[in-house]
């Protein structure tokens, strides 16, 4: 086979097409980072009202690996919102104010949340539960 301008042009055209196809496939693969069968995490948002030394609602349920956003609002006095292990969340909510708490619910189980303020004995009775269901 002799190398003519025509064959050289076809070789270059084929090489360019292969390079473009490879780049396009890498670009497409990068836009779909999840493996087959994996679902993206859900985003769960809750508004919790702290009033009269109670949380409302006092029961929350999410799925494992959900992204959780809690907006805790005080209707009267200052409170706190605390979840111990494994999430280690503790936020003070000022009187009449609110706090936003975000975390990934990556550990299944049932976890208590409560107010850890000590200026009034009624804070010790403020309890609720977060249930994280296994996927």
C-alpha atoms as a PDB file:
ATOM      1  CA  UNK A   1       0.000   0.000   0.000  1.00  0.00           C
ATOM      2  CA  UNK A   2       1.347   3.353  -0.976  1.00  0.00           C
ATOM      3  CA  UNK A   3       0.779   6.366   1.176  1.00  0.00           C
ATOM      4  CA  UNK A   4      -1.063   8.917  -0.903  1.00  0.00           C
ATOM      5  CA  UNK A   5      -2.671  12.140   0.109  1.00  0.00           C
ATOM      6  CA  UNK A   6      -6.037  10.426   0.025  1.00  0.00           C
ATOM      7  CA  UNK A   7      -5.012   7.557   2.357  1.00  0.00           C
ATOM      8  CA  UNK A   8      -3.236   9.954   4.680  1.00  0.00           C
ATOM      9  CA  UNK A   9      -6.394  12.107   4.803  1.00  0.00           C
ATOM     10  CA  UNK A  10      -8.565   9.050   5.602  1.00  0.00           C
ATOM     11  CA  UNK A  11      -6.177   7.950   8.353  1.00  0.00           C
ATOM     12  CA  UNK A  12      -6.215  11.408   9.915  1.00  0.00           C
ATOM     13  CA  UNK A  13      -9.991  11.602   9.594  1.00  0.00           C
ATOM     14  CA  UNK A  14     -10.380   8.205  11.295  1.00  0.00           C
ATOM     15  CA  UNK A  15      -7.941   9.159  14.058  1.00  0.00           C
ATOM     16  CA  UNK A  16      -9.811  12.409  14.690  1.00  0.00           C
ATOM     17  CA  UNK A  17     -13.131  10.570  14.847  1.00  0.00           C
ATOM     18  CA  UNK A  18     -11.695   8.112  17.401  1.00  0.00           C
ATOM     19  CA  UNK A  19     -10.360  10.949  19.539  1.00  0.00           C
ATOM     20  CA  UNK A  20     -13.701  12.746  19.460  1.00  0.00           C
ATOM     21  CA  UNK A  21     -15.584   9.549  20.302  1.00  0.00           C
ATOM     22  CA  UNK A  22     -13.249   8.872  23.231  1.00  0.00           C
ATOM     23  CA  UNK A  23     -13.630  12.415  24.569  1.00  0.00           C
ATOM     24  CA  UNK A  24     -17.404  12.265  24.219  1.00  0.00           C
ATOM     25  CA  UNK A  25     -17.611   8.947  26.063  1.00  0.00           C
ATOM     26  CA  UNK A  26     -15.452  10.295  28.932  1.00  0.00           C
ATOM     27  CA  UNK A  27     -17.606  13.404  29.099  1.00  0.00           C
ATOM     28  CA  UNK A  28     -20.779  11.323  29.225  1.00  0.00           C
ATOM     29  CA  UNK A  29     -19.316   9.016  31.885  1.00  0.00           C
ATOM     30  CA  UNK A  30     -18.326  12.023  34.013  1.00  0.00           C
ATOM     31  CA  UNK A  31     -21.879  13.363  33.931  1.00  0.00           C
ATOM     32  CA  UNK A  32     -23.224  10.131  35.451  1.00  0.00           C
ATOM     33  CA  UNK A  33     -20.975   9.497  38.495  1.00  0.00           C
ATOM     34  CA  UNK A  34     -23.272   7.012  40.231  1.00  0.00           C
ATOM     35  CA  UNK A  35     -22.763   3.351  39.565  1.00  0.00           C
ATOM     36  CA  UNK A  36     -25.521   1.182  38.162  1.00  0.00           C
ATOM     37  CA  UNK A  37     -28.328   0.649  40.634  1.00  0.00           C
ATOM     38  CA  UNK A  38     -27.374   3.517  42.968  1.00  0.00           C
ATOM     39  CA  UNK A  39     -29.935   6.172  43.758  1.00  0.00           C
ATOM     40  CA  UNK A  40     -28.924   9.712  44.701  1.00  0.00           C
ATOM     41  CA  UNK A  41     -29.661  10.587  48.340  1.00  0.00           C
ATOM     42  CA  UNK A  42     -33.018  12.157  49.101  1.00  0.00           C
ATOM     43  CA  UNK A  43     -33.153  15.569  50.706  1.00  0.00           C
ATOM     44  CA  UNK A  44     -35.575  15.644  53.619  1.00  0.00           C
ATOM     45  CA  UNK A  45     -36.588  18.942  55.190  1.00  0.00           C
ATOM     46  CA  UNK A  46     -38.459  19.352  58.469  1.00  0.00           C
ATOM     47  CA  UNK A  47     -39.737  22.380  60.361  1.00  0.00           C
ATOM     48  CA  UNK A  48     -39.770  21.805  64.112  1.00  0.00           C
ATOM     49  CA  UNK A  49     -41.483  24.198  66.501  1.00  0.00           C
ATOM     50  CA  UNK A  50     -40.201  24.434  70.064  1.00  0.00           C
ATOM     51  CA  UNK A  51     -42.914  25.849  72.265  1.00  0.00           C
ATOM     52  CA  UNK A  52     -44.095  25.402  75.842  1.00  0.00           C
ATOM     53  CA  UNK A  53     -41.169  23.012  76.465  1.00  0.00           C
ATOM     54  CA  UNK A  54     -42.168  20.615  73.669  1.00  0.00           C
ATOM     55  CA  UNK A  55     -40.960  19.839  70.166  1.00  0.00           C
ATOM     56  CA  UNK A  56     -43.574  19.591  67.447  1.00  0.00           C
ATOM     57  CA  UNK A  57     -43.364  17.250  65.658  1.00  0.00           C
ATOM     58  CA  UNK A  58     -41.538  15.059  68.143  1.00  0.00           C
ATOM     59  CA  UNK A  59     -41.093  12.094  65.757  1.00  0.00           C
ATOM     60  CA  UNK A  60     -39.075  12.248  62.545  1.00  0.00           C
ATOM     61  CA  UNK A  61     -38.409   9.421  60.108  1.00  0.00           C
ATOM     62  CA  UNK A  62     -35.877   9.348  57.279  1.00  0.00           C
ATOM     63  CA  UNK A  63     -34.059   6.744  55.202  1.00  0.00           C
ATOM     64  CA  UNK A  64     -30.397   5.912  55.614  1.00  0.00           C
ATOM     65  CA  UNK A  65     -28.135   8.289  53.635  1.00  0.00           C
ATOM     66  CA  UNK A  66     -30.846  10.959  53.310  1.00  0.00           C
ATOM     67  CA  UNK A  67     -29.637  14.541  53.554  1.00  0.00           C
ATOM     68  CA  UNK A  68     -31.576  16.003  56.486  1.00  0.00           C
ATOM     69  CA  UNK A  69     -32.305  19.696  56.983  1.00  0.00           C
ATOM     70  CA  UNK A  70     -34.020  20.717  60.216  1.00  0.00           C
ATOM     71  CA  UNK A  71     -35.293  24.233  60.799  1.00  0.00           C
ATOM     72  CA  UNK A  72     -35.962  24.516  64.535  1.00  0.00           C
ATOM     73  CA  UNK A  73     -37.903  27.586  65.611  1.00  0.00           C
ATOM     74  CA  UNK A  74     -38.606  28.818  69.136  1.00  0.00           C
ATOM     75  CA  UNK A  75     -42.007  30.317  69.776  1.00  0.00           C
ATOM     76  CA  UNK A  76     -41.248  31.605  73.270  1.00  0.00           C
ATOM     77  CA  UNK A  77     -38.050  31.000  75.303  1.00  0.00           C
ATOM     78  CA  UNK A  78     -34.541  29.864  74.337  1.00  0.00           C
ATOM     79  CA  UNK A  79     -34.111  26.128  73.731  1.00  0.00           C
ATOM     80  CA  UNK A  80     -31.494  23.820  72.340  1.00  0.00           C
ATOM     81  CA  UNK A  81     -31.748  20.932  69.903  1.00  0.00           C
ATOM     82  CA  UNK A  82     -29.374  18.037  70.565  1.00  0.00           C
ATOM     83  CA  UNK A  83     -28.822  14.591  69.049  1.00  0.00           C
ATOM     84  CA  UNK A  84     -25.941  12.667  70.609  1.00  0.00           C
ATOM     85  CA  UNK A  85     -24.008   9.860  68.918  1.00  0.00           C
ATOM     86  CA  UNK A  86     -23.602   9.230  66.074  1.00  0.00           C
ATOM     87  CA  UNK A  87     -24.596  12.662  64.731  1.00  0.00           C
ATOM     88  CA  UNK A  88     -23.247  14.944  67.480  1.00  0.00           C
ATOM     89  CA  UNK A  89     -25.653  17.779  66.781  1.00  0.00           C
ATOM     90  CA  UNK A  90     -26.217  20.491  69.359  1.00  0.00           C
ATOM     91  CA  UNK A  91     -27.614  23.916  68.504  1.00  0.00           C
ATOM     92  CA  UNK A  92     -29.011  26.704  70.657  1.00  0.00           C
ATOM     93  CA  UNK A  93     -32.249  28.267  69.465  1.00  0.00           C
ATOM     94  CA  UNK A  94     -32.684  31.835  70.748  1.00  0.00           C
ATOM     95  CA  UNK A  95     -36.006  33.000  72.164  1.00  0.00           C
ATOM     96  CA  UNK A  96     -38.240  33.779  69.192  1.00  0.00           C
ATOM     97  CA  UNK A  97     -35.474  32.750  66.770  1.00  0.00           C
ATOM     98  CA  UNK A  98     -34.543  29.749  64.710  1.00  0.00           C
ATOM     99  CA  UNK A  99     -31.587  27.541  63.798  1.00  0.00           C
ATOM    100  CA  UNK A 100     -30.931  25.413  60.728  1.00  0.00           C
ATOM    101  CA  UNK A 101     -29.227  22.053  61.202  1.00  0.00           C
ATOM    102  CA  UNK A 102     -28.043  19.869  58.315  1.00  0.00           C
ATOM    103  CA  UNK A 103     -26.486  16.403  58.306  1.00  0.00           C
ATOM    104  CA  UNK A 104     -26.438  13.117  56.399  1.00  0.00           C
ATOM    105  CA  UNK A 105     -28.402  10.357  58.160  1.00  0.00           C
ATOM    106  CA  UNK A 106     -25.792   7.697  57.472  1.00  0.00           C
ATOM    107  CA  UNK A 107     -26.354   5.530  60.576  1.00  0.00           C
ATOM    108  CA  UNK A 108     -29.580   3.494  60.867  1.00  0.00           C
ATOM    109  CA  UNK A 109     -31.365   3.328  64.208  1.00  0.00           C
ATOM    110  CA  UNK A 110     -33.550   5.340  66.552  1.00  0.00           C
ATOM    111  CA  UNK A 111     -31.986   8.371  68.190  1.00  0.00           C
ATOM    112  CA  UNK A 112     -33.359  10.707  70.848  1.00  0.00           C
ATOM    113  CA  UNK A 113     -33.300  14.450  70.393  1.00  0.00           C
ATOM    114  CA  UNK A 114     -33.762  16.812  73.316  1.00  0.00           C
ATOM    115  CA  UNK A 115     -33.102  20.238  74.785  1.00  0.00           C
ATOM    116  CA  UNK A 116     -29.921  20.201  76.876  1.00  0.00           C
ATOM    117  CA  UNK A 117     -30.496  23.598  78.507  1.00  0.00           C
ATOM    118  CA  UNK A 118     -30.323  23.541  82.307  1.00  0.00           C
ATOM    119  CA  UNK A 119     -31.821  26.920  83.285  1.00  0.00           C
ATOM    120  CA  UNK A 120     -35.292  25.377  83.767  1.00  0.00           C
ATOM    121  CA  UNK A 121     -36.154  21.812  84.821  1.00  0.00           C
ATOM    122  CA  UNK A 122     -38.827  21.646  82.085  1.00  0.00           C
ATOM    123  CA  UNK A 123     -36.088  21.431  79.426  1.00  0.00           C
ATOM    124  CA  UNK A 124     -35.270  17.910  80.659  1.00  0.00           C
ATOM    125  CA  UNK A 125     -38.741  16.759  79.568  1.00  0.00           C
ATOM    126  CA  UNK A 126     -38.303  17.989  75.972  1.00  0.00           C
ATOM    127  CA  UNK A 127     -37.779  14.803  74.008  1.00  0.00           C
ATOM    128  CA  UNK A 128     -38.312  13.492  70.519  1.00  0.00           C
ATOM    129  CA  UNK A 129     -37.067  10.672  68.278  1.00  0.00           C
ATOM    130  CA  UNK A 130     -35.339  10.494  64.939  1.00  0.00           C
ATOM    131  CA  UNK A 131     -35.707   7.129  63.215  1.00  0.00           C
ATOM    132  CA  UNK A 132     -33.297   6.336  60.391  1.00  0.00           C
ATOM    133  CA  UNK A 133     -34.547   3.338  58.376  1.00  0.00           C
ATOM    134  CA  UNK A 134     -32.073   1.080  56.595  1.00  0.00           C
ATOM    135  CA  UNK A 135     -32.241   1.298  52.779  1.00  0.00           C
END
